[in-house]
PDB file of N, CA and C in Angstrom:
ATOM      1  N   MET A   1      -2.048  18.753   7.605  1.00  0.00           N
ATOM      2  CA  MET A   1      -2.646  18.534   8.763  1.00  0.00           C
ATOM      3  C   MET A   1      -1.732  17.258   8.891  1.00  0.00           C
ATOM      4  N   SER A   2      -1.058  17.282   9.886  1.00  0.00           N
ATOM      5  CA  SER A   2      -0.442  16.160  10.354  1.00  0.00           C
ATOM      6  C   SER A   2      -0.927  15.177  11.098  1.00  0.00           C
ATOM      7  N   LEU A   3      -0.783  13.847  11.062  1.00  0.00           N
ATOM      8  CA  LEU A   3      -1.607  12.822  11.489  1.00  0.00           C
ATOM      9  C   LEU A   3      -0.617  12.272  12.717  1.00  0.00           C
ATOM     10  N   ARG A   4       0.105  13.099  13.334  1.00  0.00           N
ATOM     11  CA  ARG A   4       0.566  12.639  14.800  1.00  0.00           C
ATOM     12  C   ARG A   4      -0.253  12.679  15.600  1.00  0.00           C
ATOM     13  N   LEU A   5       0.267  12.009  16.744  1.00  0.00           N
ATOM     14  CA  LEU A   5      -1.039  11.420  17.664  1.00  0.00           C
ATOM     15  C   LEU A   5      -1.407  12.588  18.448  1.00  0.00           C
ATOM     16  N   GLY A   6      -0.624  13.809  18.907  1.00  0.00           N
ATOM     17  CA  GLY A   6      -0.408  14.918  19.536  1.00  0.00           C
ATOM     18  C   GLY A   6      -1.324  15.906  18.873  1.00  0.00           C
ATOM     19  N   SER A   7      -1.483  16.002  17.503  1.00  0.00           N
ATOM     20  CA  SER A   7      -2.087  17.065  16.657  1.00  0.00           C
ATOM     21  C   SER A   7      -3.210  16.609  15.924  1.00  0.00           C
ATOM     22  N   PHE A   8      -3.876  15.231  16.185  1.00  0.00           N
ATOM     23  CA  PHE A   8      -5.032  14.827  15.592  1.00  0.00           C
ATOM     24  C   PHE A   8      -6.276  15.363  15.869  1.00  0.00           C
ATOM     25  N   PRO A   9      -7.398  15.954  14.781  1.00  0.00           N
ATOM     26  CA  PRO A   9      -8.054  16.663  15.347  1.00  0.00           C
ATOM     27  C   PRO A   9      -9.459  16.045  16.105  1.00  0.00           C
ATOM     28  N   ASP A  10     -10.124  16.686  16.574  1.00  0.00           N
ATOM     29  CA  ASP A  10     -11.328  15.273  17.259  1.00  0.00           C
ATOM     30  C   ASP A  10     -12.672  15.851  16.841  1.00  0.00           C
ATOM     31  N   ARG A  11     -12.512  16.737  15.557  1.00  0.00           N
ATOM     32  CA  ARG A  11     -13.786  17.019  14.851  1.00  0.00           C
ATOM     33  C   ARG A  11     -13.486  17.297  13.357  1.00  0.00           C
ATOM     34  N   GLY A  12     -14.544  17.206  12.516  1.00  0.00           N
ATOM     35  CA  GLY A  12     -14.490  17.569  11.468  1.00  0.00           C
ATOM     36  C   GLY A  12     -13.796  16.079  10.164  1.00  0.00           C
ATOM     37  N   ALA A  13     -13.952  16.640   8.855  1.00  0.00           N
ATOM     38  CA  ALA A  13     -14.186  15.455   7.859  1.00  0.00           C
ATOM     39  C   ALA A  13     -12.999  14.143   7.843  1.00  0.00           C
ATOM     40  N   LEU A  14     -11.324  14.281   8.726  1.00  0.00           N
ATOM     41  CA  LEU A  14     -10.897  13.041   8.940  1.00  0.00           C
ATOM     42  C   LEU A  14     -11.375  12.632   9.438  1.00  0.00           C
ATOM     43  N   VAL A  15     -12.160  12.795  10.960  1.00  0.00           N
ATOM     44  CA  VAL A  15     -12.753  11.877  11.716  1.00  0.00           C
ATOM     45  C   VAL A  15     -14.126  11.457  11.193  1.00  0.00           C
ATOM     46  N   TRP A  16     -14.647  11.999  10.671  1.00  0.00           N
ATOM     47  CA  TRP A  16     -15.932  11.315  10.185  1.00  0.00           C
ATOM     48  C   TRP A  16     -15.798   9.989   9.009  1.00  0.00           C
ATOM     49  N   PHE A  17     -14.401  10.431   8.089  1.00  0.00           N
ATOM     50  CA  PHE A  17     -14.248   9.452   7.223  1.00  0.00           C
ATOM     51  C   PHE A  17     -13.083   8.195   7.976  1.00  0.00           C
ATOM     52  N   SER A  18     -12.640   8.167   9.279  1.00  0.00           N
ATOM     53  CA  SER A  18     -12.398   7.293   9.642  1.00  0.00           C
ATOM     54  C   SER A  18     -13.277   6.556  10.654  1.00  0.00           C
ATOM     55  N   VAL A  19     -14.391   7.317  10.840  1.00  0.00           N
ATOM     56  CA  VAL A  19     -15.644   6.540  11.098  1.00  0.00           C
ATOM     57  C   VAL A  19     -16.528   5.760  10.312  1.00  0.00           C
ATOM     58  N   ILE A  20     -16.848   6.603   9.060  1.00  0.00           N
ATOM     59  CA  ILE A  20     -17.746   5.662   8.189  1.00  0.00           C
ATOM     60  C   ILE A  20     -16.937   5.628   6.666  1.00  0.00           C
ATOM     61  N   GLY A  21     -15.871   5.932   6.875  1.00  0.00           N
ATOM     62  CA  GLY A  21     -15.197   5.649   5.346  1.00  0.00           C
ATOM     63  C   GLY A  21     -15.276   3.882   4.759  1.00  0.00           C
ATOM     64  N   GLY A  22     -15.586   2.995   5.693  1.00  0.00           N
ATOM     65  CA  GLY A  22     -15.524   1.564   5.310  1.00  0.00           C
ATOM     66  C   GLY A  22     -17.047   1.280   4.612  1.00  0.00           C
ATOM     67  N   ILE A  23     -18.106   2.294   5.191  1.00  0.00           N
ATOM     68  CA  ILE A  23     -19.082   1.872   4.921  1.00  0.00           C
ATOM     69  C   ILE A  23     -19.365   2.493   3.516  1.00  0.00           C
ATOM     70  N   ALA A  24     -19.005   3.464   2.912  1.00  0.00           N
ATOM     71  CA  ALA A  24     -19.152   4.088   1.554  1.00  0.00           C
ATOM     72  C   ALA A  24     -18.147   3.273   1.086  1.00  0.00           C
ATOM     73  N   ALA A  25     -16.993   2.612   1.277  1.00  0.00           N
ATOM     74  CA  ALA A  25     -16.216   1.695   0.464  1.00  0.00           C
ATOM     75  C   ALA A  25     -17.455   0.327   0.176  1.00  0.00           C
ATOM     76  N   TRP A  26     -17.851   0.006   0.996  1.00  0.00           N
ATOM     77  CA  TRP A  26     -18.786  -0.907   1.054  1.00  0.00           C
ATOM     78  C   TRP A  26     -19.551  -0.437   0.104  1.00  0.00           C
ATOM     79  N   MET A  27     -20.521   0.230   0.294  1.00  0.00           N
ATOM     80  CA  MET A  27     -21.596   0.742  -1.010  1.00  0.00           C
ATOM     81  C   MET A  27     -21.000   0.602  -2.531  1.00  0.00           C
ATOM     82  N   PHE A  28     -19.666   1.210  -2.451  1.00  0.00           N
ATOM     83  CA  PHE A  28     -19.307   1.299  -3.327  1.00  0.00           C
ATOM     84  C   PHE A  28     -18.849   0.080  -4.250  1.00  0.00           C
ATOM     85  N   HIS A  29     -18.603  -1.045  -3.186  1.00  0.00           N
ATOM     86  CA  HIS A  29     -17.922  -2.225  -3.931  1.00  0.00           C
ATOM     87  C   HIS A  29     -19.365  -2.722  -4.535  1.00  0.00           C
ATOM     88  N   LEU A  30     -20.598  -2.353  -3.366  1.00  0.00           N
ATOM     89  CA  LEU A  30     -21.943  -2.944  -4.043  1.00  0.00           C
ATOM     90  C   LEU A  30     -22.311  -2.752  -5.432  1.00  0.00           C
ATOM     91  N   VAL A  31     -22.234  -1.382  -5.686  1.00  0.00           N
ATOM     92  CA  VAL A  31     -23.157  -0.474  -6.476  1.00  0.00           C
ATOM     93  C   VAL A  31     -21.708  -1.173  -7.658  1.00  0.00           C
ATOM     94  N   LEU A  32     -20.893  -1.103  -7.544  1.00  0.00           N
ATOM     95  CA  LEU A  32     -20.073  -1.291  -8.351  1.00  0.00           C
ATOM     96  C   LEU A  32     -20.061  -3.017  -8.905  1.00  0.00           C
ATOM     97  N   PHE A  33     -20.373  -3.879  -8.306  1.00  0.00           N
ATOM     98  CA  PHE A  33     -19.764  -5.316  -8.939  1.00  0.00           C
ATOM     99  C   PHE A  33     -21.310  -5.429  -9.719  1.00  0.00           C
ATOM    100  N   ALA A  34     -22.591  -4.562  -8.525  1.00  0.00           N
ATOM    101  CA  ALA A  34     -23.942  -5.036  -9.682  1.00  0.00           C
ATOM    102  C   ALA A  34     -24.320  -4.147 -11.066  1.00  0.00           C
ATOM    103  N   SER A  35     -23.436  -3.502 -11.301  1.00  0.00           N
ATOM    104  CA  SER A  35     -23.513  -2.556 -12.281  1.00  0.00           C
ATOM    105  C   SER A  35     -22.695  -2.683 -13.302  1.00  0.00           C
ATOM    106  N   ILE A  36     -21.472  -3.828 -13.143  1.00  0.00           N
ATOM    107  CA  ILE A  36     -20.694  -4.002 -14.243  1.00  0.00           C
ATOM    108  C   ILE A  36     -20.855  -5.312 -13.957  1.00  0.00           C
ATOM    109  N   VAL A  37     -21.335  -6.352 -13.854  1.00  0.00           N
ATOM    110  CA  VAL A  37     -21.448  -7.706 -13.793  1.00  0.00           C
ATOM    111  C   VAL A  37     -21.273  -8.024 -15.511  1.00  0.00           C
ATOM    112  N   GLU A  38     -22.909  -7.810 -16.112  1.00  0.00           N
ATOM    113  CA  GLU A  38     -23.458  -7.515 -17.684  1.00  0.00           C
ATOM    114  C   GLU A  38     -21.972  -7.166 -18.471  1.00  0.00           C
ATOM    115  N   PHE A  39     -21.378  -6.386 -18.237  1.00  0.00           N
ATOM    116  CA  PHE A  39     -20.515  -6.093 -19.021  1.00  0.00           C
ATOM    117  C   PHE A  39     -19.052  -6.702 -18.951  1.00  0.00           C
ATOM    118  N   VAL A  40     -18.749  -7.194 -17.998  1.00  0.00           N
ATOM    119  CA  VAL A  40     -17.591  -7.565 -17.496  1.00  0.00           C
ATOM    120  C   VAL A  40     -17.965  -9.661 -18.128  1.00  0.00           C
ATOM    121  N   HIS A  41     -18.982  -9.879 -17.958  1.00  0.00           N
ATOM    122  CA  HIS A  41     -19.738 -11.067 -18.694  1.00  0.00           C
ATOM    123  C   HIS A  41     -19.435 -10.993 -20.239  1.00  0.00           C
ATOM    124  N   THR A  42     -19.641  -9.759 -20.661  1.00  0.00           N
ATOM    125  CA  THR A  42     -19.717  -9.919 -22.490  1.00  0.00           C
ATOM    126  C   THR A  42     -18.571  -9.665 -22.727  1.00  0.00           C
ATOM    127  N   HIS A  43     -17.742  -8.776 -22.485  1.00  0.00           N
ATOM    128  CA  HIS A  43     -16.315  -8.867 -22.632  1.00  0.00           C
ATOM    129  C   HIS A  43     -15.280  -9.538 -21.822  1.00  0.00           C
ATOM    130  N   GLY A  44     -15.363 -10.016 -20.895  1.00  0.00           N
ATOM    131  CA  GLY A  44     -14.530 -11.357 -20.371  1.00  0.00           C
ATOM    132  C   GLY A  44     -13.260 -10.671 -19.454  1.00  0.00           C
ATOM    133  N   TRP A  45     -13.404  -9.494 -19.276  1.00  0.00           N
ATOM    134  CA  TRP A  45     -12.719  -8.660 -18.560  1.00  0.00           C
ATOM    135  C   TRP A  45     -12.380  -8.581 -16.606  1.00  0.00           C
ATOM    136  N   PHE A  46     -12.623 -10.011 -16.581  1.00  0.00           N
ATOM    137  CA  PHE A  46     -12.698 -10.076 -15.200  1.00  0.00           C
ATOM    138  C   PHE A  46     -11.360  -9.364 -14.467  1.00  0.00           C
ATOM    139  N   TRP A  47     -10.669  -8.675 -14.818  1.00  0.00           N
ATOM    140  CA  TRP A  47      -9.783  -8.275 -14.026  1.00  0.00           C
ATOM    141  C   TRP A  47     -10.215  -6.900 -13.245  1.00  0.00           C
ATOM    142  N   VAL A  48     -11.108  -6.558 -13.847  1.00  0.00           N
ATOM    143  CA  VAL A  48     -12.159  -4.882 -12.981  1.00  0.00           C
ATOM    144  C   VAL A  48     -12.625  -5.566 -11.995  1.00  0.00           C
ATOM    145  N   PHE A  49     -13.124  -7.091 -11.795  1.00  0.00           N
ATOM    146  CA  PHE A  49     -13.519  -7.470 -10.105  1.00  0.00           C
ATOM    147  C   PHE A  49     -12.380  -7.155  -9.147  1.00  0.00           C
ATOM    148  N   TYR A  50     -11.289  -7.408  -9.525  1.00  0.00           N
ATOM    149  CA  TYR A  50      -9.905  -7.467  -9.122  1.00  0.00           C
ATOM    150  C   TYR A  50      -9.748  -6.416  -8.200  1.00  0.00           C
ATOM    151  N   ALA A  51      -9.817  -5.549  -9.471  1.00  0.00           N
ATOM    152  CA  ALA A  51      -9.226  -3.650  -9.390  1.00  0.00           C
ATOM    153  C   ALA A  51     -10.743  -3.315  -8.399  1.00  0.00           C
ATOM    154  N   GLY A  52     -11.815  -3.948  -8.680  1.00  0.00           N
ATOM    155  CA  GLY A  52     -12.993  -2.821  -7.841  1.00  0.00           C
ATOM    156  C   GLY A  52     -12.551  -3.490  -6.214  1.00  0.00           C
ATOM    157  N   ASN A  53     -12.155  -4.590  -6.114  1.00  0.00           N
ATOM    158  CA  ASN A  53     -11.854  -5.211  -4.649  1.00  0.00           C
ATOM    159  C   ASN A  53     -10.688  -4.449  -4.238  1.00  0.00           C
ATOM    160  N   ALA A  54      -9.628  -4.429  -4.614  1.00  0.00           N
ATOM    161  CA  ALA A  54      -8.852  -3.422  -4.611  1.00  0.00           C
ATOM    162  C   ALA A  54      -9.241  -2.069  -3.582  1.00  0.00           C
ATOM    163  N   ILE A  55      -9.791  -1.050  -4.849  1.00  0.00           N
ATOM    164  CA  ILE A  55     -10.086   0.017  -4.702  1.00  0.00           C
ATOM    165  C   ILE A  55     -11.443  -0.145  -3.505  1.00  0.00           C
ATOM    166  N   ALA A  56     -12.346  -0.711  -3.160  1.00  0.00           N
ATOM    167  CA  ALA A  56     -12.757  -0.620  -1.935  1.00  0.00           C
ATOM    168  C   ALA A  56     -12.142  -1.337  -0.711  1.00  0.00           C
ATOM    169  N   ILE A  57     -11.221  -2.235  -0.833  1.00  0.00           N
ATOM    170  CA  ILE A  57     -10.518  -2.300   0.408  1.00  0.00           C
ATOM    171  C   ILE A  57      -9.580  -1.476   1.052  1.00  0.00           C
ATOM    172  N   LEU A  58      -8.424  -0.894   0.164  1.00  0.00           N
ATOM    173  CA  LEU A  58      -7.394   0.256   0.631  1.00  0.00           C
ATOM    174  C   LEU A  58      -8.466   1.292   1.354  1.00  0.00           C
ATOM    175  N   PRO A  59      -9.222   2.200   0.917  1.00  0.00           N
ATOM    176  CA  PRO A  59      -9.760   2.977   1.897  1.00  0.00           C
ATOM    177  C   PRO A  59     -10.631   2.407   3.218  1.00  0.00           C
ATOM    178  N   THR A  60     -11.127   1.254   3.050  1.00  0.00           N
ATOM    179  CA  THR A  60     -11.877   0.746   4.243  1.00  0.00           C
ATOM    180  C   THR A  60     -10.590   0.683   5.431  1.00  0.00           C
ATOM    181  N   LEU A  61      -9.355   0.266   4.941  1.00  0.00           N
ATOM    182  CA  LEU A  61      -8.062   0.024   5.967  1.00  0.00           C
ATOM    183  C   LEU A  61      -7.638   1.521   6.328  1.00  0.00           C
ATOM    184  N   ALA A  62      -7.705   2.600   5.442  1.00  0.00           N
ATOM    185  CA  ALA A  62      -7.280   3.912   5.689  1.00  0.00           C
ATOM    186  C   ALA A  62      -7.962   3.856   6.764  1.00  0.00           C
ATOM    187  N   ALA A  63      -9.553   3.870   6.333  1.00  0.00           N
ATOM    188  CA  ALA A  63     -10.152   4.254   7.924  1.00  0.00           C
ATOM    189  C   ALA A  63      -9.865   3.652   9.095  1.00  0.00           C
ATOM    190  N   GLY A  64      -9.802   2.285   8.814  1.00  0.00           N
ATOM    191  CA  GLY A  64      -9.665   1.790  10.087  1.00  0.00           C
ATOM    192  C   GLY A  64      -8.088   2.308  10.876  1.00  0.00           C
ATOM    193  N   TYR A  65      -6.879   2.152  10.106  1.00  0.00           N
ATOM    194  CA  TYR A  65      -6.114   2.823  10.473  1.00  0.00           C
ATOM    195  C   TYR A  65      -5.959   4.101  11.090  1.00  0.00           C
ATOM    196  N   LEU A  66      -7.307   5.368  10.500  1.00  0.00           N
ATOM    197  CA  LEU A  66      -6.938   6.400  11.143  1.00  0.00           C
ATOM    198  C   LEU A  66      -8.233   6.120  12.504  1.00  0.00           C
ATOM    199  N   SER A  67      -9.125   5.121  12.481  1.00  0.00           N
ATOM    200  CA  SER A  67      -9.652   4.827  13.505  1.00  0.00           C
ATOM    201  C   SER A  67      -8.726   4.067  14.818  1.00  0.00           C
ATOM    202  N   TYR A  68      -7.708   3.755  14.549  1.00  0.00           N
ATOM    203  CA  TYR A  68      -6.897   3.139  15.502  1.00  0.00           C
ATOM    204  C   TYR A  68      -6.343   4.005  16.251  1.00  0.00           C
ATOM    205  N   LEU A  69      -5.860   5.019  15.406  1.00  0.00           N
ATOM    206  CA  LEU A  69      -5.222   6.758  15.853  1.00  0.00           C
ATOM    207  C   LEU A  69      -5.829   7.480  16.822  1.00  0.00           C
ATOM    208  N   LEU A  70      -7.075   7.367  16.237  1.00  0.00           N
ATOM    209  CA  LEU A  70      -8.263   8.197  16.990  1.00  0.00           C
ATOM    210  C   LEU A  70      -8.803   7.564  18.517  1.00  0.00           C
ATOM    211  N   TYR A  71      -8.504   6.383  18.885  1.00  0.00           N
ATOM    212  CA  TYR A  71      -8.991   5.450  19.083  1.00  0.00           C
ATOM    213  C   TYR A  71      -7.393   5.713  20.421  1.00  0.00           C
ATOM    214  N   ARG A  72      -6.762   5.651  19.996  1.00  0.00           N
ATOM    215  CA  ARG A  72      -5.233   5.706  20.784  1.00  0.00           C
ATOM    216  C   ARG A  72      -5.008   7.057  21.158  1.00  0.00           C
ATOM    217  N   HIS A  73      -5.724   8.136  20.503  1.00  0.00           N
ATOM    218  CA  HIS A  73      -5.146   9.455  21.139  1.00  0.00           C
ATOM    219  C   HIS A  73      -6.240   9.914  21.969  1.00  0.00           C
ATOM    220  N   GLY A  74      -7.317   9.211  22.463  1.00  0.00           N
ATOM    221  CA  GLY A  74      -8.669   9.337  23.154  1.00  0.00           C
ATOM    222  C   GLY A  74      -7.969   8.988  24.463  1.00  0.00           C
ATOM    223  N   THR A  75      -7.400   9.618  25.200  1.00  0.00           N
ATOM    224  CA  THR A  75      -6.930   9.077  26.395  1.00  0.00           C
ATOM    225  C   THR A  75      -7.833   8.789  27.804  1.00  0.00           C
ATOM    226  N   ASP A  76      -8.468   9.774  27.361  1.00  0.00           N
ATOM    227  CA  ASP A  76      -9.736  10.026  28.556  1.00  0.00           C
ATOM    228  C   ASP A  76     -10.977   8.656  28.559  1.00  0.00           C
ATOM    229  N   ASP A  77     -11.570   8.823  29.633  1.00  0.00           N
ATOM    230  CA  ASP A  77     -12.632   7.360  29.207  1.00  0.00           C
ATOM    231  C   ASP A  77     -13.766   8.048  28.197  1.00  0.00           C
ATOM    232  N   GLU A  78     -14.655   7.314  28.422  1.00  0.00           N
ATOM    233  CA  GLU A  78     -15.673   7.613  26.489  1.00  0.00           C
ATOM    234  C   GLU A  78     -16.554   8.460  27.314  1.00  0.00           C
ATOM    235  N   GLY A  79     -17.278   8.250  28.814  1.00  0.00           N
ATOM    236  CA  GLY A  79     -18.143   8.642  29.501  1.00  0.00           C
ATOM    237  C   GLY A  79     -17.507   9.923  30.095  1.00  0.00           C
ATOM    238  N   ALA A  80     -16.627   9.914  29.812  1.00  0.00           N
ATOM    239  CA  ALA A  80     -16.428  11.568  30.588  1.00  0.00           C
ATOM    240  C   ALA A  80     -16.506  13.097  29.989  1.00  0.00           C
ATOM    241  N   GLY A  81     -17.195  12.875  28.644  1.00  0.00           N
ATOM    242  CA  GLY A  81     -17.857  14.298  28.023  1.00  0.00           C
ATOM    243  C   GLY A  81     -16.538  15.242  27.584  1.00  0.00           C
ATOM    244  N   THR A  82     -15.686  14.864  27.435  1.00  0.00           N
ATOM    245  CA  THR A  82     -14.274  15.524  26.792  1.00  0.00           C
ATOM    246  C   THR A  82     -14.169  14.954  25.849  1.00  0.00           C
ATOM    247  N   PRO A  83     -13.079  16.105  25.067  1.00  0.00           N
ATOM    248  CA  PRO A  83     -12.987  16.024  23.614  1.00  0.00           C
ATOM    249  C   PRO A  83     -12.385  14.651  23.517  1.00  0.00           C
ATOM    250  N   ARG A  84     -11.716  14.326  24.326  1.00  0.00           N
ATOM    251  CA  ARG A  84     -10.113  13.067  24.063  1.00  0.00           C
ATOM    252  C   ARG A  84     -11.200  11.797  24.333  1.00  0.00           C
ATOM    253  N   GLY A  85     -12.360  12.080  24.905  1.00  0.00           N
ATOM    254  CA  GLY A  85     -13.399  10.884  25.792  1.00  0.00           C
ATOM    255  C   GLY A  85     -14.083  10.580  24.641  1.00  0.00           C
ATOM    256  N   ARG A  86     -14.414  11.096  23.505  1.00  0.00           N
ATOM    257  CA  ARG A  86     -15.268  11.284  22.551  1.00  0.00           C
ATOM    258  C   ARG A  86     -14.903  10.770  21.196  1.00  0.00           C
ATOM    259  N   MET A  87     -13.192  11.216  21.529  1.00  0.00           N
ATOM    260  CA  MET A  87     -12.134  10.306  20.244  1.00  0.00           C
ATOM    261  C   MET A  87     -12.425   9.396  20.491  1.00  0.00           C
ATOM    262  N   ARG A  88     -12.044   8.568  22.279  1.00  0.00           N
ATOM    263  CA  ARG A  88     -12.011   7.278  22.319  1.00  0.00           C
ATOM    264  C   ARG A  88     -12.866   6.648  21.743  1.00  0.00           C
ATOM    265  N   PHE A  89     -14.115   7.058  22.027  1.00  0.00           N
ATOM    266  CA  PHE A  89     -15.403   6.275  21.573  1.00  0.00           C
ATOM    267  C   PHE A  89     -15.327   6.171  19.890  1.00  0.00           C
ATOM    268  N   LEU A  90     -15.328   7.298  19.437  1.00  0.00           N
ATOM    269  CA  LEU A  90     -15.488   7.642  17.837  1.00  0.00           C
ATOM    270  C   LEU A  90     -14.210   6.385  17.370  1.00  0.00           C
ATOM    271  N   GLY A  91     -12.940   6.598  17.952  1.00  0.00           N
ATOM    272  CA  GLY A  91     -12.371   5.676  17.429  1.00  0.00           C
ATOM    273  C   GLY A  91     -12.574   3.946  17.509  1.00  0.00           C
ATOM    274  N   ALA A  92     -13.308   3.708  18.815  1.00  0.00           N
ATOM    275  CA  ALA A  92     -13.419   2.079  19.169  1.00  0.00           C
ATOM    276  C   ALA A  92     -15.119   2.222  17.552  1.00  0.00           C
ATOM    277  N   MET A  93     -15.932   2.872  17.706  1.00  0.00           N
ATOM    278  CA  MET A  93     -16.525   2.836  16.992  1.00  0.00           C
ATOM    279  C   MET A  93     -16.170   2.781  15.196  1.00  0.00           C
ATOM    280  N   GLY A  94     -15.382   3.608  15.172  1.00  0.00           N
ATOM    281  CA  GLY A  94     -14.948   3.204  13.732  1.00  0.00           C
ATOM    282  C   GLY A  94     -13.983   1.772  13.362  1.00  0.00           C
ATOM    283  N   LEU A  95     -13.115   1.563  14.566  1.00  0.00           N
ATOM    284  CA  LEU A  95     -12.713   0.282  14.557  1.00  0.00           C
ATOM    285  C   LEU A  95     -13.822  -0.976  13.839  1.00  0.00           C
ATOM    286  N   LEU A  96     -15.083  -0.898  14.835  1.00  0.00           N
ATOM    287  CA  LEU A  96     -16.170  -1.852  14.710  1.00  0.00           C
ATOM    288  C   LEU A  96     -16.485  -1.881  13.358  1.00  0.00           C
ATOM    289  N   VAL A  97     -16.815  -0.591  13.256  1.00  0.00           N
ATOM    290  CA  VAL A  97     -17.526  -0.259  11.346  1.00  0.00           C
ATOM    291  C   VAL A  97     -16.729  -0.542  10.325  1.00  0.00           C
ATOM    292  N   ASN A  98     -15.726   0.086  10.387  1.00  0.00           N
ATOM    293  CA  ASN A  98     -14.406  -0.639   9.615  1.00  0.00           C
ATOM    294  C   ASN A  98     -13.993  -2.123   9.452  1.00  0.00           C
ATOM    295  N   GLY A  99     -14.100  -3.023  10.668  1.00  0.00           N
ATOM    296  CA  GLY A  99     -13.829  -4.118  10.370  1.00  0.00           C
ATOM    297  C   GLY A  99     -14.923  -5.015   9.842  1.00  0.00           C
ATOM    298  N   ALA A 100     -15.925  -4.728  10.559  1.00  0.00           N
ATOM    299  CA  ALA A 100     -17.359  -5.414   9.801  1.00  0.00           C
ATOM    300  C   ALA A 100     -17.349  -4.602   8.207  1.00  0.00           C
ATOM    301  N   ASN A 101     -17.050  -3.692   7.670  1.00  0.00           N
ATOM    302  CA  ASN A 101     -17.403  -3.443   6.182  1.00  0.00           C
ATOM    303  C   ASN A 101     -15.900  -4.166   5.458  1.00  0.00           C
ATOM    304  N   LEU A 102     -14.871  -4.656   5.774  1.00  0.00           N
ATOM    305  CA  LEU A 102     -13.777  -4.967   5.800  1.00  0.00           C
ATOM    306  C   LEU A 102     -14.077  -6.407   5.027  1.00  0.00           C
ATOM    307  N   MET A 103     -14.930  -6.849   6.241  1.00  0.00           N
ATOM    308  CA  MET A 103     -15.388  -8.324   6.262  1.00  0.00           C
ATOM    309  C   MET A 103     -16.304  -8.740   5.165  1.00  0.00           C
ATOM    310  N   LEU A 104     -17.119  -7.586   5.229  1.00  0.00           N
ATOM    311  CA  LEU A 104     -18.138  -8.206   3.893  1.00  0.00           C
ATOM    312  C   LEU A 104     -17.681  -7.664   2.793  1.00  0.00           C
ATOM    313  N   ILE A 105     -17.103  -6.737   2.578  1.00  0.00           N
ATOM    314  CA  ILE A 105     -15.881  -6.880   1.247  1.00  0.00           C
ATOM    315  C   ILE A 105     -15.280  -7.312   0.693  1.00  0.00           C
ATOM    316  N   LEU A 106     -14.687  -8.240   1.758  1.00  0.00           N
ATOM    317  CA  LEU A 106     -13.487  -9.499   1.739  1.00  0.00           C
ATOM    318  C   LEU A 106     -14.551 -10.983   1.250  1.00  0.00           C
ATOM    319  N   ALA A 107     -15.537 -10.821   1.913  1.00  0.00           N
ATOM    320  CA  ALA A 107     -17.050 -12.291   2.020  1.00  0.00           C
ATOM    321  C   ALA A 107     -17.441 -12.285   0.434  1.00  0.00           C
ATOM    322  N   GLU A 108     -18.077 -10.580   0.101  1.00  0.00           N
ATOM    323  CA  GLU A 108     -18.135 -10.602  -0.903  1.00  0.00           C
ATOM    324  C   GLU A 108     -17.432 -10.399  -2.785  1.00  0.00           C
ATOM    325  N   GLY A 109     -16.011 -10.675  -2.179  1.00  0.00           N
ATOM    326  CA  GLY A 109     -15.485 -10.268  -3.578  1.00  0.00           C
ATOM    327  C   GLY A 109     -14.649 -11.424  -3.328  1.00  0.00           C
ATOM    328  N   THR A 110     -15.064 -12.841  -2.459  1.00  0.00           N
ATOM    329  CA  THR A 110     -14.356 -14.080  -2.938  1.00  0.00           C
ATOM    330  C   THR A 110     -15.157 -14.576  -3.931  1.00  0.00           C
ATOM    331  N   TYR A 111     -16.368 -14.401  -4.371  1.00  0.00           N
ATOM    332  CA  TYR A 111     -16.714 -15.714  -5.200  1.00  0.00           C
ATOM    333  C   TYR A 111     -15.776 -15.126  -6.291  1.00  0.00           C
ATOM    334  N   ILE A 112     -15.306 -13.996  -6.708  1.00  0.00           N
ATOM    335  CA  ILE A 112     -14.434 -13.561  -8.177  1.00  0.00           C
ATOM    336  C   ILE A 112     -13.108 -14.570  -8.391  1.00  0.00           C
ATOM    337  N   PHE A 113     -12.921 -15.415  -7.112  1.00  0.00           N
ATOM    338  CA  PHE A 113     -11.599 -16.006  -7.291  1.00  0.00           C
ATOM    339  C   PHE A 113     -12.501 -17.767  -7.957  1.00  0.00           C
ATOM    340  N   PHE A 114     -13.498 -18.467  -7.756  1.00  0.00           N
ATOM    341  CA  PHE A 114     -14.369 -19.593  -8.104  1.00  0.00           C
ATOM    342  C   PHE A 114     -14.993 -19.142  -9.430  1.00  0.00           C
ATOM    343  N   LEU A 115     -15.091 -18.331 -10.180  1.00  0.00           N
ATOM    344  CA  LEU A 115     -15.855 -18.340 -11.610  1.00  0.00           C
ATOM    345  C   LEU A 115     -14.898 -18.030 -12.172  1.00  0.00           C
ATOM    346  N   ARG A 116     -15.508 -19.056 -13.001  1.00  0.00           N
ATOM    347  CA  ARG A 116     -14.528 -19.292 -14.488  1.00  0.00           C
ATOM    348  C   ARG A 116     -15.378 -18.089 -15.748  1.00  0.00           C
ATOM    349  N   PRO A 117     -14.556 -17.535 -16.683  1.00  0.00           N
ATOM    350  CA  PRO A 117     -15.178 -16.805 -17.451  1.00  0.00           C
ATOM    351  C   PRO A 117     -16.389 -17.688 -18.554  1.00  0.00           C
ATOM    352  N   GLY A 118     -17.354 -17.228 -19.015  1.00  0.00           N
ATOM    353  CA  GLY A 118     -18.618 -17.858 -19.797  1.00  0.00           C
ATOM    354  C   GLY A 118     -19.085 -18.717 -18.961  1.00  0.00           C
ATOM    355  N   LEU A 119     -19.530 -18.871 -17.400  1.00  0.00           N
ATOM    356  CA  LEU A 119     -20.037 -19.329 -17.210  1.00  0.00           C
ATOM    357  C   LEU A 119     -22.273 -18.584 -17.215  1.00  0.00           C
ATOM    358  N   GLY A 120     -22.455 -19.791 -17.154  1.00  0.00           N
ATOM    359  CA  GLY A 120     -24.095 -19.023 -17.495  1.00  0.00           C
ATOM    360  C   GLY A 120     -24.728 -18.543 -18.569  1.00  0.00           C
ATOM    361  N   ALA A 121     -23.773 -18.478 -19.874  1.00  0.00           N
ATOM    362  CA  ALA A 121     -23.819 -18.000 -21.263  1.00  0.00           C
ATOM    363  C   ALA A 121     -25.354 -18.648 -21.915  1.00  0.00           C
TER     364      ALA A 121
END
């Protein structure tokens, strides 16, 4: 499947990923950090938090880029009721959703830069 603008699909898994990929990445980020905090504290492996941030940020950025492509490929007005209008709407929604989730991931992930290993022992 090509990602050229002229051949971007107007439905399917790629469109779903471009719209809700950031939500899945944010949920992964929340569950990962909540489930490994005891393990990281016990073993002192703070690098796992950095890797978790990167693993959550990369798919969110990819989904945001695909949303941008979807938005640019939708040349009709959103209210036109055409596939290109639907693509423009879904692209705009994907940009909004993925941007918000990227901000949440970054906000929740910044605290690891201020923690020192061994606090709260």
